[in-house]
Amino acid sequence: MSNVFIALQMNEETRSIIAAIAEDNPHAIINEQPAMVKIDAPGSLTIKRQTVEEKMGRNFDLQELHVHLITLSGHVDETDDAFTLSWAH
């Protein structure tokens, strides 16, 4: 099974996003650097709007994720409620 990954800038807003990713993807490996965080996961990784909103304490549009995005690897499936990276088999 191939890994997918996402790398985000490290700032106050992304701390909540990272916490949400960790909660919804217990299989993910989070590697925090001084200016960025890279999150690897075997097979797939999903960022759920609802979980991010719970962590941030405010409404969150998944399009906001792109402001903090450095790079990613995997097939992107994006809806209003979830941003999923996977490798289609």
N, C-alpha and C. Protein backbone atom coordinates (compact mmCIF):
# COMPACT_ATOMS: atom_id res chain seq x y z
N MET A 1 0.85 -1.18 0.00
CA MET A 1 0.00 0.00 0.00
C MET A 1 0.90 1.25 0.00
N SER A 2 0.64 2.17 -0.90
CA SER A 2 1.42 3.40 -1.01
C SER A 2 0.94 4.45 -0.02
N ASN A 3 1.87 5.29 0.39
CA ASN A 3 1.53 6.39 1.28
C ASN A 3 1.05 7.60 0.50
N VAL A 4 0.15 8.35 1.11
CA VAL A 4 -0.22 9.68 0.65
C VAL A 4 0.36 10.64 1.68
N PHE A 5 0.51 11.90 1.31
CA PHE A 5 0.95 12.87 2.31
C PHE A 5 0.45 14.26 1.97
N ILE A 6 0.43 15.08 3.01
CA ILE A 6 0.11 16.50 2.87
C ILE A 6 1.10 17.25 3.75
N ALA A 7 1.60 18.38 3.26
CA ALA A 7 2.48 19.24 4.02
C ALA A 7 1.82 20.61 4.14
N LEU A 8 1.76 21.11 5.36
CA LEU A 8 1.12 22.39 5.65
C LEU A 8 2.10 23.32 6.34
N GLN A 9 1.92 24.62 6.15
CA GLN A 9 2.69 25.61 6.91
C GLN A 9 2.33 25.44 8.38
N MET A 10 3.29 25.68 9.25
CA MET A 10 3.03 25.60 10.69
C MET A 10 2.67 26.99 11.18
N ASN A 11 1.42 27.16 11.62
CA ASN A 11 0.97 28.42 12.21
C ASN A 11 -0.20 28.13 13.14
N GLU A 12 -0.76 29.15 13.74
CA GLU A 12 -1.84 28.95 14.71
C GLU A 12 -3.06 28.28 14.09
N GLU A 13 -3.45 28.66 12.90
CA GLU A 13 -4.62 28.06 12.25
C GLU A 13 -4.39 26.58 11.94
N THR A 14 -3.20 26.23 11.49
CA THR A 14 -2.97 24.84 11.11
C THR A 14 -2.87 23.92 12.31
N ARG A 15 -2.62 24.43 13.49
CA ARG A 15 -2.59 23.57 14.68
C ARG A 15 -3.93 22.85 14.86
N SER A 16 -5.02 23.56 14.64
CA SER A 16 -6.35 22.94 14.75
C SER A 16 -6.59 21.95 13.63
N ILE A 17 -6.12 22.28 12.43
CA ILE A 17 -6.27 21.36 11.30
C ILE A 17 -5.49 20.08 11.56
N ILE A 18 -4.27 20.21 12.06
CA ILE A 18 -3.43 19.05 12.37
C ILE A 18 -4.08 18.18 13.45
N ALA A 19 -4.63 18.82 14.48
CA ALA A 19 -5.31 18.07 15.54
C ALA A 19 -6.51 17.30 14.98
N ALA A 20 -7.24 17.92 14.07
CA ALA A 20 -8.40 17.25 13.45
C ALA A 20 -7.95 16.08 12.58
N ILE A 21 -6.88 16.26 11.82
CA ILE A 21 -6.35 15.18 10.98
C ILE A 21 -5.93 14.00 11.87
N ALA A 22 -5.23 14.30 12.96
CA ALA A 22 -4.77 13.24 13.87
C ALA A 22 -5.95 12.48 14.47
N GLU A 23 -7.00 13.19 14.83
CA GLU A 23 -8.17 12.54 15.42
C GLU A 23 -8.89 11.63 14.41
N ASP A 24 -9.05 12.10 13.19
CA ASP A 24 -9.80 11.35 12.18
C ASP A 24 -8.96 10.30 11.45
N ASN A 25 -7.63 10.37 11.59
CA ASN A 25 -6.73 9.45 10.88
C ASN A 25 -5.69 8.90 11.86
N PRO A 26 -6.08 8.01 12.77
CA PRO A 26 -5.12 7.53 13.78
C PRO A 26 -3.93 6.79 13.18
N HIS A 27 -4.03 6.36 11.93
CA HIS A 27 -2.94 5.68 11.24
C HIS A 27 -1.91 6.65 10.67
N ALA A 28 -2.19 7.94 10.70
CA ALA A 28 -1.31 8.95 10.11
C ALA A 28 -0.07 9.17 10.97
N ILE A 29 1.03 9.48 10.30
CA ILE A 29 2.29 9.80 10.98
C ILE A 29 2.53 11.29 10.79
N ILE A 30 2.59 12.01 11.91
CA ILE A 30 2.73 13.47 11.87
C ILE A 30 4.17 13.83 12.20
N ASN A 31 4.80 14.56 11.28
CA ASN A 31 6.19 14.97 11.43
C ASN A 31 6.23 16.50 11.46
N GLU A 32 6.35 17.06 12.66
CA GLU A 32 6.37 18.52 12.81
C GLU A 32 7.78 19.05 12.66
N GLN A 33 7.93 20.06 11.83
CA GLN A 33 9.18 20.78 11.61
C GLN A 33 8.99 22.20 12.14
N PRO A 34 10.04 23.02 12.22
CA PRO A 34 9.84 24.40 12.71
C PRO A 34 8.87 25.23 11.88
N ALA A 35 8.84 25.07 10.56
CA ALA A 35 7.99 25.92 9.73
C ALA A 35 6.90 25.17 8.99
N MET A 36 6.86 23.85 9.13
CA MET A 36 5.86 23.06 8.41
C MET A 36 5.58 21.77 9.16
N VAL A 37 4.52 21.12 8.76
CA VAL A 37 4.21 19.78 9.26
C VAL A 37 3.88 18.91 8.05
N LYS A 38 4.46 17.71 8.03
CA LYS A 38 4.18 16.74 6.95
C LYS A 38 3.45 15.58 7.59
N ILE A 39 2.33 15.21 6.98
CA ILE A 39 1.52 14.13 7.50
C ILE A 39 1.45 13.04 6.44
N ASP A 40 1.98 11.87 6.78
CA ASP A 40 1.97 10.70 5.89
C ASP A 40 0.92 9.72 6.39
N ALA A 41 0.30 9.01 5.46
CA ALA A 41 -0.66 7.98 5.83
C ALA A 41 -0.66 6.88 4.78
N PRO A 42 -0.70 5.63 5.21
CA PRO A 42 -0.80 4.55 4.24
C PRO A 42 -2.20 4.49 3.65
N GLY A 43 -2.27 4.48 2.32
CA GLY A 43 -3.56 4.32 1.64
C GLY A 43 -4.36 5.57 1.42
N SER A 44 -4.81 6.20 2.51
CA SER A 44 -5.65 7.40 2.36
C SER A 44 -5.58 8.27 3.61
N LEU A 45 -6.01 9.51 3.44
CA LEU A 45 -6.03 10.50 4.52
C LEU A 45 -7.23 11.40 4.26
N THR A 46 -8.06 11.63 5.28
CA THR A 46 -9.24 12.46 5.10
C THR A 46 -9.25 13.59 6.13
N ILE A 47 -9.49 14.80 5.63
CA ILE A 47 -9.66 15.98 6.49
C ILE A 47 -11.14 16.30 6.47
N LYS A 48 -11.79 16.20 7.64
CA LYS A 48 -13.23 16.42 7.73
C LYS A 48 -13.52 17.83 8.24
N ARG A 49 -14.35 18.54 7.50
CA ARG A 49 -14.72 19.91 7.87
C ARG A 49 -15.26 19.98 9.28
N GLN A 50 -16.15 19.08 9.64
CA GLN A 50 -16.78 19.10 10.96
C GLN A 50 -15.76 18.98 12.08
N THR A 51 -14.78 18.10 11.94
CA THR A 51 -13.77 17.94 12.98
C THR A 51 -12.89 19.18 13.08
N VAL A 52 -12.53 19.77 11.95
CA VAL A 52 -11.73 21.00 11.96
C VAL A 52 -12.52 22.11 12.67
N GLU A 53 -13.81 22.22 12.36
CA GLU A 53 -14.64 23.25 13.00
C GLU A 53 -14.70 23.05 14.51
N GLU A 54 -14.79 21.81 14.96
CA GLU A 54 -14.80 21.53 16.41
C GLU A 54 -13.50 21.97 17.05
N LYS A 55 -12.39 21.71 16.40
CA LYS A 55 -11.07 22.07 16.94
C LYS A 55 -10.84 23.59 16.90
N MET A 56 -11.32 24.26 15.84
CA MET A 56 -11.12 25.71 15.69
C MET A 56 -12.12 26.52 16.50
N GLY A 57 -13.30 25.95 16.72
CA GLY A 57 -14.35 26.69 17.41
C GLY A 57 -15.03 27.72 16.53
N ARG A 58 -14.99 27.47 15.21
CA ARG A 58 -15.64 28.37 14.25
C ARG A 58 -15.93 27.60 12.97
N ASN A 59 -16.73 28.22 12.10
CA ASN A 59 -16.99 27.62 10.79
C ASN A 59 -15.69 27.56 9.99
N PHE A 60 -15.55 26.52 9.17
CA PHE A 60 -14.35 26.34 8.37
C PHE A 60 -14.75 25.86 6.99
N ASP A 61 -14.32 26.57 5.98
CA ASP A 61 -14.52 26.18 4.59
C ASP A 61 -13.25 25.43 4.18
N LEU A 62 -13.39 24.21 3.69
CA LEU A 62 -12.21 23.42 3.32
C LEU A 62 -11.33 24.11 2.28
N GLN A 63 -11.86 25.08 1.55
CA GLN A 63 -11.03 25.85 0.60
C GLN A 63 -9.94 26.63 1.34
N GLU A 64 -10.18 26.95 2.62
CA GLU A 64 -9.16 27.64 3.44
C GLU A 64 -7.90 26.80 3.58
N LEU A 65 -8.02 25.51 3.45
CA LEU A 65 -6.88 24.61 3.55
C LEU A 65 -5.80 24.98 2.54
N HIS A 66 -6.20 25.43 1.37
CA HIS A 66 -5.26 25.74 0.30
C HIS A 66 -4.33 26.91 0.66
N VAL A 67 -4.75 27.77 1.55
CA VAL A 67 -3.91 28.90 1.98
C VAL A 67 -2.69 28.39 2.73
N HIS A 68 -2.84 27.29 3.44
CA HIS A 68 -1.78 26.74 4.30
C HIS A 68 -1.02 25.59 3.65
N LEU A 69 -1.46 25.15 2.47
CA LEU A 69 -0.91 23.99 1.80
C LEU A 69 0.45 24.29 1.17
N ILE A 70 1.41 23.41 1.42
CA ILE A 70 2.72 23.50 0.77
C ILE A 70 2.76 22.52 -0.41
N THR A 71 2.45 21.27 -0.13
CA THR A 71 2.44 20.24 -1.18
C THR A 71 1.63 19.05 -0.70
N LEU A 72 1.31 18.17 -1.64
CA LEU A 72 0.60 16.94 -1.29
C LEU A 72 0.93 15.87 -2.31
N SER A 73 0.60 14.64 -1.95
CA SER A 73 0.81 13.51 -2.85
C SER A 73 -0.39 12.57 -2.71
N GLY A 74 -1.02 12.29 -3.83
CA GLY A 74 -2.18 11.42 -3.84
C GLY A 74 -3.27 12.01 -4.70
N HIS A 75 -4.25 11.20 -5.00
CA HIS A 75 -5.43 11.63 -5.76
C HIS A 75 -6.32 12.44 -4.82
N VAL A 76 -6.74 13.62 -5.23
CA VAL A 76 -7.56 14.50 -4.40
C VAL A 76 -9.03 14.31 -4.73
N ASP A 77 -9.83 14.09 -3.69
CA ASP A 77 -11.28 14.06 -3.80
C ASP A 77 -11.79 15.08 -2.79
N GLU A 78 -12.35 16.17 -3.29
CA GLU A 78 -12.73 17.29 -2.44
C GLU A 78 -14.22 17.59 -2.55
N THR A 79 -14.89 17.63 -1.40
CA THR A 79 -16.29 18.04 -1.32
C THR A 79 -16.39 19.17 -0.31
N ASP A 80 -17.59 19.65 -0.05
CA ASP A 80 -17.77 20.68 0.98
C ASP A 80 -17.49 20.15 2.37
N ASP A 81 -17.58 18.83 2.56
CA ASP A 81 -17.45 18.24 3.89
C ASP A 81 -16.15 17.49 4.14
N ALA A 82 -15.41 17.14 3.10
CA ALA A 82 -14.19 16.36 3.30
C ALA A 82 -13.20 16.60 2.17
N PHE A 83 -11.92 16.52 2.54
CA PHE A 83 -10.80 16.59 1.60
C PHE A 83 -10.05 15.28 1.79
N THR A 84 -10.06 14.43 0.76
CA THR A 84 -9.45 13.10 0.89
C THR A 84 -8.32 12.92 -0.12
N LEU A 85 -7.22 12.39 0.37
CA LEU A 85 -6.10 11.99 -0.48
C LEU A 85 -6.07 10.47 -0.48
N SER A 86 -5.90 9.87 -1.65
CA SER A 86 -5.81 8.42 -1.75
C SER A 86 -5.10 8.05 -3.04
N TRP A 87 -4.80 6.80 -3.17
CA TRP A 87 -4.27 6.27 -4.42
C TRP A 87 -5.30 5.31 -4.96
N ALA A 88 -5.86 5.63 -6.11
CA ALA A 88 -6.86 4.76 -6.75
C ALA A 88 -6.18 3.49 -7.20
N HIS A 89 -6.82 2.37 -6.96
CA HIS A 89 -6.23 1.07 -7.35
C HIS A 89 -6.92 0.53 -8.55
